[in-house]
Amino acid sequence: MPNFILGFLGLVVFVFAIILFNFFGLWLRARISGAPLSLGRLIAMRLRGVPLAQIVDARITAVKAGLPVETDPLEAHYLAGGNVNEVILALIAAEKSGIALTFDQATGIDLATKGTGKTVLDAVKTSINPRVIDCPNPASGKQTIDGVAKDGIGVKAKARVTVRTNLTQFVGGATEETVVARVGEGIVSAIGSADSYKLVLENPDRISKAVLAKGLDSGTAFEILSIDIADVDIGENIGAKLQAEQADADKRVAQAKAEVRRAAAVAVEQEMRARTQEMRAKVVEAEAQIPQAMAEAFRSGNLGIMDYTRLKNIQADTGMRESIAGTEPRTEE
């Protein structure tokens, strides 16, 4: 029995020594740093597969910065795939800068930006130090935003948008691509509402004022602080070009209609020529019957030789007159 007790005590001492060897350093470091943790909690964390050093160091950093963060939410965030260190650093940066950011918001932003190349710390930094976005984005291959004033002259503009992160809408809010698109739309609308391109060149700030007045940052993850027009240039005379194209189109339509009328006139002319030939044929046919009628008149005694002579004299006289008048005398078959 005494040997059994001694063996049991030895086993207890051995287990206790292992526990001290694995957890005593972290326990002591947490105790000295003012963020104490029990050995039981450390053992439970190890059994849950949580990296002890990372969680303990993150809690120590938070407590030293005046943020009372417990280990349970840190463990939950780590198990959810979040970056515990980034969350703590973001909370500290927000607290020191006077930005309202809760632990739940920080963890939500961290999980939402996972795999995007951005972190919750970057979001807080952008909220502290505003960011400048080029509009249009040079990566899109477009260098300027083109609009047309009411006088038909094109205007090319380039803007720089200063934004800062809106942490309350960061999760679920539209990204910077939406901001760039909205600003571009606002610039085109502002240029299009100007009566003349000269007004835009004289006062480029009217564009930025008009765009800012639209509240384009609503529903986005950013808050627009300012919109500065970096460059304004004159583009093509779009109005004159459109008018020239319209005039050319109208000319083509008029030419097509004239061609239709010409074709119709040609068809009518050909028809009239055919009818004329038909009438001439009838006249020739009628004239061909005259000698037959005269012969019949001679046979029946209704026409004498003197009457025939006078008729021939009349025809000759008529032919001479027509020749003098310049018309072709008719010939009798």
C-alpha atoms as a PDB file:
ATOM      1  CA  MET A   1       0.000   0.000   0.000  1.00  0.00           C
ATOM      2  CA  PRO A   2       2.697   2.562   0.826  1.00  0.00           C
ATOM      3  CA  ASN A   3       4.348   1.755  -2.507  1.00  0.00           C
ATOM      4  CA  PHE A   4       1.090   2.359  -4.295  1.00  0.00           C
ATOM      5  CA  ILE A   5       0.646   5.710  -2.563  1.00  0.00           C
ATOM      6  CA  LEU A   6       4.203   6.687  -3.348  1.00  0.00           C
ATOM      7  CA  GLY A   7       3.684   5.763  -7.002  1.00  0.00           C
ATOM      8  CA  PHE A   8       0.477   7.767  -7.173  1.00  0.00           C
ATOM      9  CA  LEU A   9       2.141  10.770  -5.562  1.00  0.00           C
ATOM     10  CA  GLY A  10       5.014  10.426  -7.967  1.00  0.00           C
ATOM     11  CA  LEU A  11       2.587  10.396 -10.901  1.00  0.00           C
ATOM     12  CA  VAL A  12       0.850  13.485  -9.538  1.00  0.00           C
ATOM     13  CA  VAL A  13       4.158  15.253  -9.141  1.00  0.00           C
ATOM     14  CA  PHE A  14       5.172  14.258 -12.678  1.00  0.00           C
ATOM     15  CA  VAL A  15       1.924  15.542 -14.167  1.00  0.00           C
ATOM     16  CA  PHE A  16       2.192  18.738 -12.167  1.00  0.00           C
ATOM     17  CA  ALA A  17       5.757  19.195 -13.366  1.00  0.00           C
ATOM     18  CA  ILE A  18       4.629  18.792 -16.982  1.00  0.00           C
ATOM     19  CA  ILE A  19       1.875  21.336 -16.453  1.00  0.00           C
ATOM     20  CA  LEU A  20       4.304  23.772 -14.886  1.00  0.00           C
ATOM     21  CA  PHE A  21       6.775  23.228 -17.717  1.00  0.00           C
ATOM     22  CA  ASN A  22       4.156  23.898 -20.409  1.00  0.00           C
ATOM     23  CA  PHE A  23       1.976  26.552 -18.835  1.00  0.00           C
ATOM     24  CA  PHE A  24       3.855  28.174 -15.977  1.00  0.00           C
ATOM     25  CA  GLY A  25       5.727  30.608 -18.236  1.00  0.00           C
ATOM     26  CA  LEU A  26       2.545  31.895 -19.905  1.00  0.00           C
ATOM     27  CA  TRP A  27       0.687  31.958 -16.589  1.00  0.00           C
ATOM     28  CA  LEU A  28       3.458  33.942 -14.937  1.00  0.00           C
ATOM     29  CA  ARG A  29       3.773  36.344 -17.885  1.00  0.00           C
ATOM     30  CA  ALA A  30       0.040  37.010 -17.844  1.00  0.00           C
ATOM     31  CA  ARG A  31       0.046  37.462 -14.077  1.00  0.00           C
ATOM     32  CA  ILE A  32       2.938  39.917 -14.126  1.00  0.00           C
ATOM     33  CA  SER A  33       1.409  41.862 -17.054  1.00  0.00           C
ATOM     34  CA  GLY A  34      -1.849  42.469 -15.192  1.00  0.00           C
ATOM     35  CA  ALA A  35      -3.882  40.114 -17.370  1.00  0.00           C
ATOM     36  CA  PRO A  36      -4.009  37.008 -15.178  1.00  0.00           C
ATOM     37  CA  LEU A  37      -5.260  33.650 -16.411  1.00  0.00           C
ATOM     38  CA  SER A  38      -5.807  30.496 -14.433  1.00  0.00           C
ATOM     39  CA  LEU A  39      -3.921  27.314 -15.203  1.00  0.00           C
ATOM     40  CA  GLY A  40      -7.240  25.602 -15.806  1.00  0.00           C
ATOM     41  CA  ARG A  41      -8.157  28.101 -18.531  1.00  0.00           C
ATOM     42  CA  LEU A  42      -4.752  27.669 -20.151  1.00  0.00           C
ATOM     43  CA  ILE A  43      -5.150  23.898 -20.164  1.00  0.00           C
ATOM     44  CA  ALA A  44      -8.666  24.216 -21.632  1.00  0.00           C
ATOM     45  CA  MET A  45      -7.335  26.491 -24.360  1.00  0.00           C
ATOM     46  CA  ARG A  46      -4.673  23.940 -25.238  1.00  0.00           C
ATOM     47  CA  LEU A  47      -7.287  21.198 -25.427  1.00  0.00           C
ATOM     48  CA  ARG A  48      -9.389  23.354 -27.810  1.00  0.00           C
ATOM     49  CA  GLY A  49      -6.405  23.674 -30.133  1.00  0.00           C
ATOM     50  CA  VAL A  50      -5.941  27.406 -29.593  1.00  0.00           C
ATOM     51  CA  PRO A  51      -2.379  28.829 -29.762  1.00  0.00           C
ATOM     52  CA  LEU A  52      -1.766  29.892 -26.172  1.00  0.00           C
ATOM     53  CA  ALA A  53       1.051  32.339 -26.809  1.00  0.00           C
ATOM     54  CA  GLN A  54      -0.903  34.235 -29.471  1.00  0.00           C
ATOM     55  CA  ILE A  55      -4.057  34.581 -27.386  1.00  0.00           C
ATOM     56  CA  VAL A  56      -2.169  35.463 -24.188  1.00  0.00           C
ATOM     57  CA  ASP A  57       0.004  38.049 -25.931  1.00  0.00           C
ATOM     58  CA  ALA A  58      -3.018  39.592 -27.655  1.00  0.00           C
ATOM     59  CA  ARG A  59      -4.865  39.893 -24.332  1.00  0.00           C
ATOM     60  CA  ILE A  60      -1.821  41.353 -22.626  1.00  0.00           C
ATOM     61  CA  THR A  61      -1.508  43.959 -25.404  1.00  0.00           C
ATOM     62  CA  ALA A  62      -5.182  44.865 -25.091  1.00  0.00           C
ATOM     63  CA  VAL A  63      -5.096  45.128 -21.294  1.00  0.00           C
ATOM     64  CA  LYS A  64      -1.955  47.251 -21.342  1.00  0.00           C
ATOM     65  CA  ALA A  65      -3.722  49.588 -23.805  1.00  0.00           C
ATOM     66  CA  GLY A  66      -6.724  49.869 -21.471  1.00  0.00           C
ATOM     67  CA  LEU A  67      -9.021  47.513 -23.355  1.00  0.00           C
ATOM     68  CA  PRO A  68     -10.579  44.868 -21.098  1.00  0.00           C
ATOM     69  CA  VAL A  69     -10.788  41.975 -23.548  1.00  0.00           C
ATOM     70  CA  GLU A  70     -11.444  38.444 -22.312  1.00  0.00           C
ATOM     71  CA  THR A  71      -9.959  35.329 -23.805  1.00  0.00           C
ATOM     72  CA  ASP A  72     -13.263  33.733 -24.835  1.00  0.00           C
ATOM     73  CA  PRO A  73     -14.048  36.206 -27.669  1.00  0.00           C
ATOM     74  CA  LEU A  74     -10.410  36.030 -28.775  1.00  0.00           C
ATOM     75  CA  GLU A  75     -10.608  32.246 -28.953  1.00  0.00           C
ATOM     76  CA  ALA A  76     -13.913  32.387 -30.820  1.00  0.00           C
ATOM     77  CA  HIS A  77     -12.504  34.794 -33.373  1.00  0.00           C
ATOM     78  CA  TYR A  78      -9.402  32.671 -33.904  1.00  0.00           C
ATOM     79  CA  LEU A  79     -11.475  29.520 -34.354  1.00  0.00           C
ATOM     80  CA  ALA A  80     -13.629  31.424 -36.894  1.00  0.00           C
ATOM     81  CA  GLY A  81     -10.517  32.044 -38.980  1.00  0.00           C
ATOM     82  CA  GLY A  82      -9.838  35.630 -37.951  1.00  0.00           C
ATOM     83  CA  ASN A  83      -6.598  37.434 -37.231  1.00  0.00           C
ATOM     84  CA  VAL A  84      -6.560  38.138 -33.503  1.00  0.00           C
ATOM     85  CA  ASN A  85      -3.486  40.386 -33.549  1.00  0.00           C
ATOM     86  CA  GLU A  86      -4.915  42.614 -36.314  1.00  0.00           C
ATOM     87  CA  VAL A  87      -8.161  43.016 -34.380  1.00  0.00           C
ATOM     88  CA  ILE A  88      -6.386  44.046 -31.175  1.00  0.00           C
ATOM     89  CA  LEU A  89      -4.104  46.494 -32.990  1.00  0.00           C
ATOM     90  CA  ALA A  90      -7.108  47.977 -34.817  1.00  0.00           C
ATOM     91  CA  LEU A  91      -9.020  48.409 -31.541  1.00  0.00           C
ATOM     92  CA  ILE A  92      -6.029  50.113 -29.939  1.00  0.00           C
ATOM     93  CA  ALA A  93      -5.547  52.444 -32.932  1.00  0.00           C
ATOM     94  CA  ALA A  94      -9.248  53.348 -32.959  1.00  0.00           C
ATOM     95  CA  GLU A  95      -9.346  53.925 -29.198  1.00  0.00           C
ATOM     96  CA  LYS A  96      -6.268  56.158 -29.259  1.00  0.00           C
ATOM     97  CA  SER A  97      -7.670  58.144 -32.185  1.00  0.00           C
ATOM     98  CA  GLY A  98     -11.082  58.623 -30.631  1.00  0.00           C
ATOM     99  CA  ILE A  99     -12.888  56.466 -33.203  1.00  0.00           C
ATOM    100  CA  ALA A 100     -15.854  54.453 -31.973  1.00  0.00           C
ATOM    101  CA  LEU A 101     -15.111  50.812 -32.770  1.00  0.00           C
ATOM    102  CA  THR A 102     -16.419  47.846 -30.813  1.00  0.00           C
ATOM    103  CA  PHE A 103     -14.858  44.417 -30.638  1.00  0.00           C
ATOM    104  CA  ASP A 104     -17.747  42.896 -32.602  1.00  0.00           C
ATOM    105  CA  GLN A 105     -17.355  45.485 -35.355  1.00  0.00           C
ATOM    106  CA  ALA A 106     -13.610  44.881 -35.512  1.00  0.00           C
ATOM    107  CA  THR A 107     -14.002  41.118 -35.771  1.00  0.00           C
ATOM    108  CA  GLY A 108     -16.744  41.506 -38.398  1.00  0.00           C
ATOM    109  CA  ILE A 109     -14.527  43.749 -40.527  1.00  0.00           C
ATOM    110  CA  ASP A 110     -11.600  41.352 -40.092  1.00  0.00           C
ATOM    111  CA  LEU A 111     -13.623  38.391 -41.300  1.00  0.00           C
ATOM    112  CA  ALA A 112     -15.163  40.419 -44.144  1.00  0.00           C
ATOM    113  CA  THR A 113     -11.739  41.468 -45.459  1.00  0.00           C
ATOM    114  CA  LYS A 114     -10.280  37.987 -45.239  1.00  0.00           C
ATOM    115  CA  GLY A 115      -8.691  36.991 -48.538  1.00  0.00           C
ATOM    116  CA  THR A 116      -9.031  40.489 -50.053  1.00  0.00           C
ATOM    117  CA  GLY A 117      -5.529  41.692 -49.230  1.00  0.00           C
ATOM    118  CA  LYS A 118      -6.937  44.219 -46.769  1.00  0.00           C
ATOM    119  CA  THR A 119      -7.183  44.076 -42.995  1.00  0.00           C
ATOM    120  CA  VAL A 120      -9.221  45.679 -40.281  1.00  0.00           C
ATOM    121  CA  LEU A 121      -6.116  47.617 -39.277  1.00  0.00           C
ATOM    122  CA  ASP A 122      -5.931  49.090 -42.780  1.00  0.00           C
ATOM    123  CA  ALA A 123      -9.568  50.145 -42.482  1.00  0.00           C
ATOM    124  CA  VAL A 124      -8.882  51.930 -39.207  1.00  0.00           C
ATOM    125  CA  LYS A 125      -5.754  53.558 -40.629  1.00  0.00           C
ATOM    126  CA  THR A 126      -7.758  54.813 -43.618  1.00  0.00           C
ATOM    127  CA  SER A 127     -10.304  56.226 -41.208  1.00  0.00           C
ATOM    128  CA  ILE A 128      -7.518  58.030 -39.342  1.00  0.00           C
ATOM    129  CA  ASN A 129      -5.460  59.045 -42.375  1.00  0.00           C
ATOM    130  CA  PRO A 130      -7.780  59.751 -45.358  1.00  0.00           C
ATOM    131  CA  ARG A 131      -6.980  58.074 -48.642  1.00  0.00           C
ATOM    132  CA  VAL A 132      -6.832  59.653 -52.101  1.00  0.00           C
ATOM    133  CA  ILE A 133      -8.497  57.794 -54.982  1.00  0.00           C
ATOM    134  CA  ASP A 134      -7.904  58.724 -58.616  1.00  0.00           C
ATOM    135  CA  CYS A 135     -11.017  59.084 -60.743  1.00  0.00           C
ATOM    136  CA  PRO A 136     -10.959  57.448 -63.194  1.00  0.00           C
ATOM    137  CA  ASN A 137      -8.812  54.623 -61.956  1.00  0.00           C
ATOM    138  CA  PRO A 138      -5.628  54.471 -64.097  1.00  0.00           C
ATOM    139  CA  ALA A 139      -5.769  50.678 -63.907  1.00  0.00           C
ATOM    140  CA  SER A 140      -8.939  50.751 -66.002  1.00  0.00           C
ATOM    141  CA  GLY A 141      -6.987  52.127 -68.952  1.00  0.00           C
ATOM    142  CA  LYS A 142      -9.028  55.328 -69.087  1.00  0.00           C
ATOM    143  CA  GLN A 143      -7.235  58.557 -68.324  1.00  0.00           C
ATOM    144  CA  THR A 144     -10.092  61.084 -68.211  1.00  0.00           C
ATOM    145  CA  ILE A 145     -13.826  61.332 -67.681  1.00  0.00           C
ATOM    146  CA  ASP A 146     -15.484  62.793 -70.771  1.00  0.00           C
ATOM    147  CA  GLY A 147     -18.631  64.896 -70.729  1.00  0.00           C
ATOM    148  CA  VAL A 148     -20.419  67.190 -73.178  1.00  0.00           C
ATOM    149  CA  ALA A 149     -21.676  70.673 -72.287  1.00  0.00           C
ATOM    150  CA  LYS A 150     -24.932  72.035 -73.647  1.00  0.00           C
ATOM    151  CA  ASP A 151     -23.097  73.888 -76.429  1.00  0.00           C
ATOM    152  CA  GLY A 152     -21.865  70.540 -77.794  1.00  0.00           C
ATOM    153  CA  ILE A 153     -18.204  70.931 -76.802  1.00  0.00           C
ATOM    154  CA  GLY A 154     -16.642  67.930 -75.059  1.00  0.00           C
ATOM    155  CA  VAL A 155     -14.797  68.410 -71.766  1.00  0.00           C
ATOM    156  CA  LYS A 156     -12.274  65.969 -70.304  1.00  0.00           C
ATOM    157  CA  ALA A 157     -11.784  65.962 -66.541  1.00  0.00           C
ATOM    158  CA  LYS A 158      -9.664  64.112 -64.016  1.00  0.00           C
ATOM    159  CA  ALA A 159     -10.493  64.149 -60.313  1.00  0.00           C
ATOM    160  CA  ARG A 160      -8.996  63.038 -57.032  1.00  0.00           C
ATOM    161  CA  VAL A 161     -11.365  61.878 -54.331  1.00  0.00           C
ATOM    162  CA  THR A 162     -10.301  62.027 -50.698  1.00  0.00           C
ATOM    163  CA  VAL A 163     -12.109  59.412 -48.619  1.00  0.00           C
ATOM    164  CA  ARG A 164     -11.912  57.859 -45.214  1.00  0.00           C
ATOM    165  CA  THR A 165     -13.315  54.591 -43.985  1.00  0.00           C
ATOM    166  CA  ASN A 166     -16.835  54.599 -42.610  1.00  0.00           C
ATOM    167  CA  LEU A 167     -16.421  51.824 -40.054  1.00  0.00           C
ATOM    168  CA  THR A 168     -20.131  51.619 -39.276  1.00  0.00           C
ATOM    169  CA  GLN A 169     -20.894  50.702 -42.907  1.00  0.00           C
ATOM    170  CA  PHE A 170     -17.676  48.925 -43.794  1.00  0.00           C
ATOM    171  CA  VAL A 171     -19.255  45.486 -43.609  1.00  0.00           C
ATOM    172  CA  GLY A 172     -21.777  45.220 -46.436  1.00  0.00           C
ATOM    173  CA  GLY A 173     -20.994  48.678 -47.813  1.00  0.00           C
ATOM    174  CA  ALA A 174     -20.058  49.334 -51.435  1.00  0.00           C
ATOM    175  CA  THR A 175     -16.365  49.362 -52.224  1.00  0.00           C
ATOM    176  CA  GLU A 176     -14.168  52.087 -53.686  1.00  0.00           C
ATOM    177  CA  GLU A 177     -15.020  50.957 -57.235  1.00  0.00           C
ATOM    178  CA  THR A 178     -18.581  52.095 -56.562  1.00  0.00           C
ATOM    179  CA  VAL A 179     -17.332  55.437 -55.255  1.00  0.00           C
ATOM    180  CA  VAL A 180     -15.246  55.955 -58.401  1.00  0.00           C
ATOM    181  CA  ALA A 181     -18.211  55.051 -60.625  1.00  0.00           C
ATOM    182  CA  ARG A 182     -20.551  57.411 -58.783  1.00  0.00           C
ATOM    183  CA  VAL A 183     -18.058  60.269 -58.874  1.00  0.00           C
ATOM    184  CA  GLY A 184     -17.554  59.723 -62.605  1.00  0.00           C
ATOM    185  CA  GLU A 185     -21.290  59.804 -63.152  1.00  0.00           C
ATOM    186  CA  GLY A 186     -21.561  63.001 -61.115  1.00  0.00           C
ATOM    187  CA  ILE A 187     -18.783  64.668 -63.124  1.00  0.00           C
ATOM    188  CA  VAL A 188     -20.459  63.774 -66.428  1.00  0.00           C
ATOM    189  CA  SER A 189     -23.782  65.125 -65.102  1.00  0.00           C
ATOM    190  CA  ALA A 190     -22.155  68.366 -63.881  1.00  0.00           C
ATOM    191  CA  ILE A 191     -20.465  68.951 -67.241  1.00  0.00           C
ATOM    192  CA  GLY A 192     -23.653  68.156 -69.135  1.00  0.00           C
ATOM    193  CA  SER A 193     -25.675  70.670 -67.095  1.00  0.00           C
ATOM    194  CA  ALA A 194     -23.267  73.526 -67.920  1.00  0.00           C
ATOM    195  CA  ASP A 195     -24.508  75.913 -70.605  1.00  0.00           C
ATOM    196  CA  SER A 196     -21.044  76.249 -72.103  1.00  0.00           C
ATOM    197  CA  TYR A 197     -17.690  74.532 -71.831  1.00  0.00           C
ATOM    198  CA  LYS A 198     -16.215  77.933 -70.932  1.00  0.00           C
ATOM    199  CA  LEU A 199     -18.085  77.895 -67.632  1.00  0.00           C
ATOM    200  CA  VAL A 200     -16.493  74.560 -66.758  1.00  0.00           C
ATOM    201  CA  LEU A 201     -13.023  75.814 -67.632  1.00  0.00           C
ATOM    202  CA  GLU A 202     -13.523  79.039 -65.690  1.00  0.00           C
ATOM    203  CA  ASN A 203     -14.860  77.349 -62.544  1.00  0.00           C
ATOM    204  CA  PRO A 204     -13.800  73.708 -62.227  1.00  0.00           C
ATOM    205  CA  ASP A 205     -14.897  73.770 -58.596  1.00  0.00           C
ATOM    206  CA  ARG A 206     -18.521  73.827 -59.748  1.00  0.00           C
ATOM    207  CA  ILE A 207     -18.021  70.188 -60.721  1.00  0.00           C
ATOM    208  CA  SER A 208     -16.757  69.179 -57.284  1.00  0.00           C
ATOM    209  CA  LYS A 209     -19.507  71.140 -55.530  1.00  0.00           C
ATOM    210  CA  ALA A 210     -22.189  69.557 -57.693  1.00  0.00           C
ATOM    211  CA  VAL A 211     -20.803  66.070 -57.082  1.00  0.00           C
ATOM    212  CA  LEU A 212     -20.453  66.558 -53.327  1.00  0.00           C
ATOM    213  CA  ALA A 213     -24.025  67.816 -53.119  1.00  0.00           C
ATOM    214  CA  LYS A 214     -25.309  64.486 -54.467  1.00  0.00           C
ATOM    215  CA  GLY A 215     -24.128  62.516 -51.414  1.00  0.00           C
ATOM    216  CA  LEU A 216     -22.468  59.826 -53.491  1.00  0.00           C
ATOM    217  CA  ASP A 217     -20.973  58.107 -50.442  1.00  0.00           C
ATOM    218  CA  SER A 218     -24.318  56.892 -49.122  1.00  0.00           C
ATOM    219  CA  GLY A 219     -24.378  53.140 -48.656  1.00  0.00           C
ATOM    220  CA  THR A 220     -20.633  52.805 -49.223  1.00  0.00           C
ATOM    221  CA  ALA A 221     -17.802  51.813 -46.920  1.00  0.00           C
ATOM    222  CA  PHE A 222     -16.241  55.256 -47.313  1.00  0.00           C
ATOM    223  CA  GLU A 223     -17.012  58.849 -46.490  1.00  0.00           C
ATOM    224  CA  ILE A 224     -16.097  61.385 -49.158  1.00  0.00           C
ATOM    225  CA  LEU A 225     -14.241  64.326 -47.638  1.00  0.00           C
ATOM    226  CA  SER A 226     -13.440  66.268 -50.805  1.00  0.00           C
ATOM    227  CA  ILE A 227     -13.426  65.988 -54.575  1.00  0.00           C
ATOM    228  CA  ASP A 228     -10.672  67.952 -56.279  1.00  0.00           C
ATOM    229  CA  ILE A 229     -10.556  68.468 -60.036  1.00  0.00           C
ATOM    230  CA  ALA A 230      -6.936  67.764 -60.956  1.00  0.00           C
ATOM    231  CA  ASP A 231      -7.177  68.511 -64.678  1.00  0.00           C
ATOM    232  CA  VAL A 232      -9.711  69.892 -67.163  1.00  0.00           C
ATOM    233  CA  ASP A 233      -9.217  69.912 -70.918  1.00  0.00           C
ATOM    234  CA  ILE A 234     -11.297  70.534 -74.045  1.00  0.00           C
ATOM    235  CA  GLY A 235     -12.363  67.537 -76.095  1.00  0.00           C
ATOM    236  CA  GLU A 236     -14.003  67.235 -79.500  1.00  0.00           C
ATOM    237  CA  ASN A 237     -16.855  69.357 -80.792  1.00  0.00           C
ATOM    238  CA  ILE A 238     -19.379  66.602 -80.349  1.00  0.00           C
ATOM    239  CA  GLY A 239     -22.332  68.827 -81.234  1.00  0.00           C
ATOM    240  CA  ALA A 240     -20.897  69.848 -84.604  1.00  0.00           C
ATOM    241  CA  LYS A 241     -19.907  66.271 -85.339  1.00  0.00           C
ATOM    242  CA  LEU A 242     -23.403  65.014 -84.579  1.00  0.00           C
ATOM    243  CA  GLN A 243     -24.961  67.777 -86.666  1.00  0.00           C
ATOM    244  CA  ALA A 244     -22.679  66.938 -89.595  1.00  0.00           C
ATOM    245  CA  GLU A 245     -23.572  63.275 -89.324  1.00  0.00           C
ATOM    246  CA  GLN A 246     -27.272  64.160 -89.100  1.00  0.00           C
ATOM    247  CA  ALA A 247     -26.980  66.443 -92.137  1.00  0.00           C
ATOM    248  CA  ASP A 248     -25.244  63.680 -94.078  1.00  0.00           C
ATOM    249  CA  ALA A 249     -27.984  61.246 -93.079  1.00  0.00           C
ATOM    250  CA  ASP A 250     -30.671  63.740 -94.131  1.00  0.00           C
ATOM    251  CA  LYS A 251     -28.869  64.224 -97.475  1.00  0.00           C
ATOM    252  CA  ARG A 252     -28.816  60.507 -98.059  1.00  0.00           C
ATOM    253  CA  VAL A 253     -32.527  60.275 -97.279  1.00  0.00           C
ATOM    254  CA  ALA A 254     -33.300  63.175 -99.616  1.00  0.00           C
ATOM    255  CA  GLN A 255     -31.198  61.613-102.374  1.00  0.00           C
ATOM    256  CA  ALA A 256     -33.003  58.316-101.931  1.00  0.00           C
ATOM    257  CA  LYS A 257     -36.393  60.040-102.136  1.00  0.00           C
ATOM    258  CA  ALA A 258     -35.283  62.021-105.219  1.00  0.00           C
ATOM    259  CA  GLU A 259     -34.108  58.817-106.867  1.00  0.00           C
ATOM    260  CA  VAL A 260     -37.506  57.290-106.209  1.00  0.00           C
ATOM    261  CA  ARG A 261     -39.233  60.289-107.781  1.00  0.00           C
ATOM    262  CA  ARG A 262     -36.828  60.216-110.771  1.00  0.00           C
ATOM    263  CA  ALA A 263     -37.460  56.539-111.331  1.00  0.00           C
ATOM    264  CA  ALA A 264     -41.196  57.170-111.206  1.00  0.00           C
ATOM    265  CA  ALA A 265     -40.861  60.038-113.691  1.00  0.00           C
ATOM    266  CA  VAL A 266     -38.792  57.873-116.043  1.00  0.00           C
ATOM    267  CA  ALA A 267     -41.419  55.159-115.829  1.00  0.00           C
ATOM    268  CA  VAL A 268     -44.188  57.660-116.657  1.00  0.00           C
ATOM    269  CA  GLU A 269     -42.139  59.032-119.554  1.00  0.00           C
ATOM    270  CA  GLN A 270     -41.633  55.573-120.998  1.00  0.00           C
ATOM    271  CA  GLU A 271     -45.321  54.903-120.628  1.00  0.00           C
ATOM    272  CA  MET A 272     -46.210  58.127-122.427  1.00  0.00           C
ATOM    273  CA  ARG A 273     -43.765  57.301-125.239  1.00  0.00           C
ATOM    274  CA  ALA A 274     -45.397  53.922-125.629  1.00  0.00           C
ATOM    275  CA  ARG A 275     -48.830  55.527-125.807  1.00  0.00           C
ATOM    276  CA  THR A 276     -47.545  58.068-128.355  1.00  0.00           C
ATOM    277  CA  GLN A 277     -46.235  55.285-130.564  1.00  0.00           C
ATOM    278  CA  GLU A 278     -49.553  53.533-130.220  1.00  0.00           C
ATOM    279  CA  MET A 279     -51.454  56.664-131.278  1.00  0.00           C
ATOM    280  CA  ARG A 280     -49.093  57.213-134.229  1.00  0.00           C
ATOM    281  CA  ALA A 281     -49.707  53.654-135.318  1.00  0.00           C
ATOM    282  CA  LYS A 282     -53.427  54.335-135.246  1.00  0.00           C
ATOM    283  CA  VAL A 283     -52.930  57.524-137.322  1.00  0.00           C
ATOM    284  CA  VAL A 284     -50.856  55.648-139.890  1.00  0.00           C
ATOM    285  CA  GLU A 285     -53.493  52.957-140.017  1.00  0.00           C
ATOM    286  CA  ALA A 286     -56.182  55.585-140.563  1.00  0.00           C
ATOM    287  CA  GLU A 287     -54.134  57.363-143.276  1.00  0.00           C
ATOM    288  CA  ALA A 288     -53.590  54.041-145.029  1.00  0.00           C
ATOM    289  CA  GLN A 289     -57.343  53.787-145.514  1.00  0.00           C
ATOM    290  CA  ILE A 290     -57.546  57.143-147.379  1.00  0.00           C
ATOM    291  CA  PRO A 291     -56.352  55.842-150.807  1.00  0.00           C
ATOM    292  CA  GLN A 292     -58.780  52.964-150.523  1.00  0.00           C
ATOM    293  CA  ALA A 293     -61.589  55.408-149.756  1.00  0.00           C
ATOM    294  CA  MET A 294     -60.599  57.610-152.697  1.00  0.00           C
ATOM    295  CA  ALA A 295     -60.515  54.648-155.026  1.00  0.00           C
ATOM    296  CA  GLU A 296     -63.934  53.614-153.842  1.00  0.00           C
ATOM    297  CA  ALA A 297     -65.143  57.214-154.373  1.00  0.00           C
ATOM    298  CA  PHE A 298     -63.794  57.153-157.977  1.00  0.00           C
ATOM    299  CA  ARG A 299     -65.551  53.881-158.658  1.00  0.00           C
ATOM    300  CA  SER A 300     -68.826  55.077-157.196  1.00  0.00           C
ATOM    301  CA  GLY A 301     -68.682  58.438-159.009  1.00  0.00           C
ATOM    302  CA  ASN A 302     -68.580  60.495-155.845  1.00  0.00           C
ATOM    303  CA  LEU A 303     -65.142  61.940-156.682  1.00  0.00           C
ATOM    304  CA  GLY A 304     -64.078  63.390-160.024  1.00  0.00           C
ATOM    305  CA  ILE A 305     -60.710  63.938-161.554  1.00  0.00           C
ATOM    306  CA  MET A 306     -60.868  67.697-160.924  1.00  0.00           C
ATOM    307  CA  ASP A 307     -61.668  67.112-157.275  1.00  0.00           C
ATOM    308  CA  TYR A 308     -58.665  64.806-157.037  1.00  0.00           C
ATOM    309  CA  THR A 309     -56.442  67.409-158.735  1.00  0.00           C
ATOM    310  CA  ARG A 310     -57.540  70.115-156.318  1.00  0.00           C
ATOM    311  CA  LEU A 311     -56.859  67.746-153.385  1.00  0.00           C
ATOM    312  CA  LYS A 312     -53.327  67.077-154.620  1.00  0.00           C
ATOM    313  CA  ASN A 313     -52.737  70.835-155.056  1.00  0.00           C
ATOM    314  CA  ILE A 314     -53.894  71.414-151.500  1.00  0.00           C
ATOM    315  CA  GLN A 315     -51.596  68.673-150.208  1.00  0.00           C
ATOM    316  CA  ALA A 316     -48.634  70.117-152.109  1.00  0.00           C
ATOM    317  CA  ASP A 317     -49.375  73.582-150.817  1.00  0.00           C
ATOM    318  CA  THR A 318     -49.623  72.227-147.274  1.00  0.00           C
ATOM    319  CA  GLY A 319     -46.326  70.341-147.659  1.00  0.00           C
ATOM    320  CA  MET A 320     -44.578  73.507-148.921  1.00  0.00           C
ATOM    321  CA  ARG A 321     -45.851  75.495-145.973  1.00  0.00           C
ATOM    322  CA  GLU A 322     -44.744  72.876-143.516  1.00  0.00           C
ATOM    323  CA  SER A 323     -41.302  72.802-145.182  1.00  0.00           C
ATOM    324  CA  ILE A 324     -41.001  76.563-144.882  1.00  0.00           C
ATOM    325  CA  ALA A 325     -42.162  76.395-141.233  1.00  0.00           C
ATOM    326  CA  GLY A 326     -39.403  73.876-140.479  1.00  0.00           C
ATOM    327  CA  THR A 327     -41.635  70.884-139.840  1.00  0.00           C
ATOM    328  CA  GLU A 328     -41.284  67.608-141.676  1.00  0.00           C
ATOM    329  CA  PRO A 329     -44.027  67.315-144.320  1.00  0.00           C
ATOM    330  CA  ARG A 330     -46.228  64.308-144.036  1.00  0.00           C
ATOM    331  CA  THR A 331     -46.052  61.770-146.842  1.00  0.00           C
ATOM    332  CA  GLU A 332     -49.023  59.925-148.070  1.00  0.00           C
ATOM    333  CA  GLU A 333     -48.723  56.305-148.854  1.00  0.00           C
END
